[in-house]
Amino acid sequence: MSSSLGEKGDAPGDGRSIGDLLGQVTTDLSDLVRQEIALARAEARESAIRASKAAGMFSGAAVAGHMVLLFLSVAAWWALGNAIGRGWSALVVALVWAVVAAVLALQGKKNVEQVKGLPRTSETLKKVPPAAKGHEEQNR
């Protein structure tokens, strides 16, 4: 005869105590966390492999793009050389590249100055120690 309470009336179902049930819940929760961590590691590993392949492709594209710019520069140098002489045309092409480099460097410097790091993360991390000590109201 089955009843909803065990023999001693202390736990529903199979007669296990509340302590046994809480122990099982804790074990199951621990297993779940371990499995989630393992899944996260596997996903991170797969993402890292794909990202490294993509980085290799971008590196190859950058080398190819550099070669295109190099040969276009030589072509411009040669074409201008017919009009103003090879020496002057080389100087003109070099000056154009100097201007491009200066503009890119200034834009890069401006972007670096705008980097703020991790302001929200550092703010919330400062709140963790008081919260762990039971002072959550200080974080509001």
C-alpha atoms as a PDB file:
ATOM      1  CA  MET A   1       0.000   0.000   0.000  1.00  0.00           C
ATOM      2  CA  SER A   2       1.479   3.269  -1.087  1.00  0.00           C
ATOM      3  CA  SER A   3       0.937   6.548   0.667  1.00  0.00           C
ATOM      4  CA  SER A   4       2.199  10.048   0.056  1.00  0.00           C
ATOM      5  CA  LEU A   5       4.117   9.979   3.357  1.00  0.00           C
ATOM      6  CA  GLY A   6       6.745   7.475   4.352  1.00  0.00           C
ATOM      7  CA  GLU A   7       6.490   5.068   7.262  1.00  0.00           C
ATOM      8  CA  LYS A   8       7.560   7.685   9.768  1.00  0.00           C
ATOM      9  CA  GLY A   9       5.634  10.477   8.101  1.00  0.00           C
ATOM     10  CA  ASP A  10       8.793  12.521   7.549  1.00  0.00           C
ATOM     11  CA  ALA A  11       9.152  12.523   3.734  1.00  0.00           C
ATOM     12  CA  PRO A  12       6.807  12.130   0.793  1.00  0.00           C
ATOM     13  CA  GLY A  13       7.151   9.276  -1.622  1.00  0.00           C
ATOM     14  CA  ASP A  14       9.907   6.735  -1.017  1.00  0.00           C
ATOM     15  CA  GLY A  15      10.432   7.277   2.711  1.00  0.00           C
ATOM     16  CA  ARG A  16      13.636   9.302   2.463  1.00  0.00           C
ATOM     17  CA  SER A  17      14.229  12.070   4.957  1.00  0.00           C
ATOM     18  CA  ILE A  18      14.350  15.765   4.107  1.00  0.00           C
ATOM     19  CA  GLY A  19      18.103  15.660   4.733  1.00  0.00           C
ATOM     20  CA  ASP A  20      18.480  12.879   2.167  1.00  0.00           C
ATOM     21  CA  LEU A  21      16.392  14.814  -0.344  1.00  0.00           C
ATOM     22  CA  LEU A  22      18.392  18.017   0.222  1.00  0.00           C
ATOM     23  CA  GLY A  23      21.602  16.017  -0.150  1.00  0.00           C
ATOM     24  CA  GLN A  24      20.353  14.621  -3.455  1.00  0.00           C
ATOM     25  CA  VAL A  25      19.356  18.117  -4.653  1.00  0.00           C
ATOM     26  CA  THR A  26      22.810  19.417  -3.696  1.00  0.00           C
ATOM     27  CA  THR A  27      24.496  16.547  -5.531  1.00  0.00           C
ATOM     28  CA  ASP A  28      22.326  17.067  -8.601  1.00  0.00           C
ATOM     29  CA  LEU A  29      23.003  20.800  -8.556  1.00  0.00           C
ATOM     30  CA  SER A  30      26.738  20.169  -8.257  1.00  0.00           C
ATOM     31  CA  ASP A  31      26.602  17.746 -11.195  1.00  0.00           C
ATOM     32  CA  LEU A  32      24.647  20.278 -13.235  1.00  0.00           C
ATOM     33  CA  VAL A  33      27.204  23.021 -12.539  1.00  0.00           C
ATOM     34  CA  ARG A  34      30.077  20.681 -13.496  1.00  0.00           C
ATOM     35  CA  GLN A  35      28.297  19.739 -16.727  1.00  0.00           C
ATOM     36  CA  GLU A  36      27.644  23.384 -17.562  1.00  0.00           C
ATOM     37  CA  ILE A  37      31.305  24.221 -16.965  1.00  0.00           C
ATOM     38  CA  ALA A  38      32.350  21.324 -19.204  1.00  0.00           C
ATOM     39  CA  LEU A  39      29.945  22.541 -21.898  1.00  0.00           C
ATOM     40  CA  ALA A  40      31.289  26.084 -21.609  1.00  0.00           C
ATOM     41  CA  ARG A  41      34.867  24.791 -21.958  1.00  0.00           C
ATOM     42  CA  ALA A  42      33.976  22.765 -25.035  1.00  0.00           C
ATOM     43  CA  GLU A  43      32.159  25.695 -26.616  1.00  0.00           C
ATOM     44  CA  ALA A  44      35.030  28.064 -25.777  1.00  0.00           C
ATOM     45  CA  ARG A  45      37.544  25.636 -27.299  1.00  0.00           C
ATOM     46  CA  GLU A  46      35.471  25.327 -30.479  1.00  0.00           C
ATOM     47  CA  SER A  47      35.027  29.094 -30.680  1.00  0.00           C
ATOM     48  CA  ALA A  48      38.763  29.630 -30.178  1.00  0.00           C
ATOM     49  CA  ILE A  49      39.567  27.212 -32.998  1.00  0.00           C
ATOM     50  CA  ARG A  50      37.157  28.966 -35.347  1.00  0.00           C
ATOM     51  CA  ALA A  51      38.445  32.389 -34.290  1.00  0.00           C
ATOM     52  CA  SER A  52      42.039  31.332 -34.937  1.00  0.00           C
ATOM     53  CA  LYS A  53      41.093  30.103 -38.407  1.00  0.00           C
ATOM     54  CA  ALA A  54      39.333  33.395 -39.088  1.00  0.00           C
ATOM     55  CA  ALA A  55      42.364  35.320 -37.814  1.00  0.00           C
ATOM     56  CA  GLY A  56      44.564  33.335 -40.211  1.00  0.00           C
ATOM     57  CA  MET A  57      42.266  34.206 -43.094  1.00  0.00           C
ATOM     58  CA  PHE A  58      42.264  37.887 -42.126  1.00  0.00           C
ATOM     59  CA  SER A  59      46.071  37.791 -41.900  1.00  0.00           C
ATOM     60  CA  GLY A  60      46.259  36.336 -45.390  1.00  0.00           C
ATOM     61  CA  ALA A  61      43.847  38.984 -46.641  1.00  0.00           C
ATOM     62  CA  ALA A  62      45.969  41.700 -45.012  1.00  0.00           C
ATOM     63  CA  VAL A  63      49.124  40.418 -46.729  1.00  0.00           C
ATOM     64  CA  ALA A  64      47.301  40.275 -50.067  1.00  0.00           C
ATOM     65  CA  GLY A  65      45.911  43.779 -49.524  1.00  0.00           C
ATOM     66  CA  HIS A  66      49.394  45.029 -48.688  1.00  0.00           C
ATOM     67  CA  MET A  67      50.700  43.562 -51.928  1.00  0.00           C
ATOM     68  CA  VAL A  68      47.879  45.253 -53.872  1.00  0.00           C
ATOM     69  CA  LEU A  69      48.759  48.614 -52.315  1.00  0.00           C
ATOM     70  CA  LEU A  70      52.430  48.058 -53.010  1.00  0.00           C
ATOM     71  CA  PHE A  71      51.873  47.304 -56.674  1.00  0.00           C
ATOM     72  CA  LEU A  72      49.368  50.144 -57.071  1.00  0.00           C
ATOM     73  CA  SER A  73      51.950  52.466 -55.554  1.00  0.00           C
ATOM     74  CA  VAL A  74      54.581  51.232 -58.001  1.00  0.00           C
ATOM     75  CA  ALA A  75      52.110  51.712 -60.863  1.00  0.00           C
ATOM     76  CA  ALA A  76      51.335  55.261 -59.702  1.00  0.00           C
ATOM     77  CA  TRP A  77      55.037  55.981 -59.324  1.00  0.00           C
ATOM     78  CA  TRP A  78      55.715  54.702 -62.831  1.00  0.00           C
ATOM     79  CA  ALA A  79      52.760  56.567 -64.376  1.00  0.00           C
ATOM     80  CA  LEU A  80      53.689  59.848 -62.689  1.00  0.00           C
ATOM     81  CA  GLY A  81      57.295  59.243 -63.697  1.00  0.00           C
ATOM     82  CA  ASN A  82      56.365  59.706 -67.345  1.00  0.00           C
ATOM     83  CA  ALA A  83      55.100  63.221 -66.556  1.00  0.00           C
ATOM     84  CA  ILE A  84      57.448  64.543 -63.841  1.00  0.00           C
ATOM     85  CA  GLY A  85      60.369  62.126 -63.706  1.00  0.00           C
ATOM     86  CA  ARG A  86      60.916  58.967 -61.714  1.00  0.00           C
ATOM     87  CA  GLY A  87      62.575  60.603 -58.711  1.00  0.00           C
ATOM     88  CA  TRP A  88      59.859  63.223 -58.224  1.00  0.00           C
ATOM     89  CA  SER A  89      57.078  60.716 -58.794  1.00  0.00           C
ATOM     90  CA  ALA A  90      58.545  58.431 -56.102  1.00  0.00           C
ATOM     91  CA  LEU A  91      58.587  61.415 -53.729  1.00  0.00           C
ATOM     92  CA  VAL A  92      54.941  62.261 -54.539  1.00  0.00           C
ATOM     93  CA  VAL A  93      53.794  58.668 -53.904  1.00  0.00           C
ATOM     94  CA  ALA A  94      55.780  58.555 -50.640  1.00  0.00           C
ATOM     95  CA  LEU A  95      54.201  61.838 -49.484  1.00  0.00           C
ATOM     96  CA  VAL A  96      50.711  60.524 -50.239  1.00  0.00           C
ATOM     97  CA  TRP A  97      51.452  57.465 -48.101  1.00  0.00           C
ATOM     98  CA  ALA A  98      52.875  59.708 -45.347  1.00  0.00           C
ATOM     99  CA  VAL A  99      49.604  61.655 -45.249  1.00  0.00           C
ATOM    100  CA  VAL A 100      47.580  58.416 -45.125  1.00  0.00           C
ATOM    101  CA  ALA A 101      49.776  57.134 -42.279  1.00  0.00           C
ATOM    102  CA  ALA A 102      49.421  60.391 -40.333  1.00  0.00           C
ATOM    103  CA  VAL A 103      45.630  60.429 -40.668  1.00  0.00           C
ATOM    104  CA  LEU A 104      45.358  56.786 -39.590  1.00  0.00           C
ATOM    105  CA  ALA A 105      47.702  57.355 -36.632  1.00  0.00           C
ATOM    106  CA  LEU A 106      45.697  60.369 -35.430  1.00  0.00           C
ATOM    107  CA  GLN A 107      42.427  58.450 -35.737  1.00  0.00           C
ATOM    108  CA  GLY A 108      43.945  55.500 -33.868  1.00  0.00           C
ATOM    109  CA  LYS A 109      45.193  57.791 -31.087  1.00  0.00           C
ATOM    110  CA  LYS A 110      41.744  59.367 -30.805  1.00  0.00           C
ATOM    111  CA  ASN A 111      40.116  55.924 -30.552  1.00  0.00           C
ATOM    112  CA  VAL A 112      42.605  54.755 -27.905  1.00  0.00           C
ATOM    113  CA  GLU A 113      41.869  57.822 -25.793  1.00  0.00           C
ATOM    114  CA  GLN A 114      38.159  56.944 -25.889  1.00  0.00           C
ATOM    115  CA  VAL A 115      38.724  53.455 -24.452  1.00  0.00           C
ATOM    116  CA  LYS A 116      37.304  53.359 -20.940  1.00  0.00           C
ATOM    117  CA  GLY A 117      38.161  49.795 -20.018  1.00  0.00           C
ATOM    118  CA  LEU A 118      35.477  47.954 -18.053  1.00  0.00           C
ATOM    119  CA  PRO A 119      33.786  50.667 -15.976  1.00  0.00           C
ATOM    120  CA  ARG A 120      30.544  48.803 -15.187  1.00  0.00           C
ATOM    121  CA  THR A 121      32.333  45.559 -14.386  1.00  0.00           C
ATOM    122  CA  SER A 122      34.807  47.231 -12.046  1.00  0.00           C
ATOM    123  CA  GLU A 123      31.926  49.083 -10.364  1.00  0.00           C
ATOM    124  CA  THR A 124      29.957  45.902  -9.754  1.00  0.00           C
ATOM    125  CA  LEU A 125      33.037  43.984  -8.610  1.00  0.00           C
ATOM    126  CA  LYS A 126      33.590  46.605  -5.915  1.00  0.00           C
ATOM    127  CA  LYS A 127      30.132  45.730  -4.581  1.00  0.00           C
ATOM    128  CA  VAL A 128      30.808  42.002  -4.233  1.00  0.00           C
ATOM    129  CA  PRO A 129      32.787  41.989  -0.934  1.00  0.00           C
ATOM    130  CA  PRO A 130      30.159  43.999   1.024  1.00  0.00           C
ATOM    131  CA  ALA A 131      27.374  41.825  -0.430  1.00  0.00           C
ATOM    132  CA  ALA A 132      29.236  38.657   0.566  1.00  0.00           C
ATOM    133  CA  LYS A 133      29.413  39.998   4.126  1.00  0.00           C
ATOM    134  CA  GLY A 134      25.664  40.563   4.185  1.00  0.00           C
ATOM    135  CA  HIS A 135      25.669  44.316   3.534  1.00  0.00           C
ATOM    136  CA  GLU A 136      23.613  44.323   0.320  1.00  0.00           C
ATOM    137  CA  GLU A 137      21.929  47.601   1.219  1.00  0.00           C
ATOM    138  CA  GLN A 138      25.257  49.413   0.666  1.00  0.00           C
ATOM    139  CA  ASN A 139      25.121  48.397  -3.001  1.00  0.00           C
ATOM    140  CA  ARG A 140      21.866  50.132  -3.781  1.00  0.00           C
END
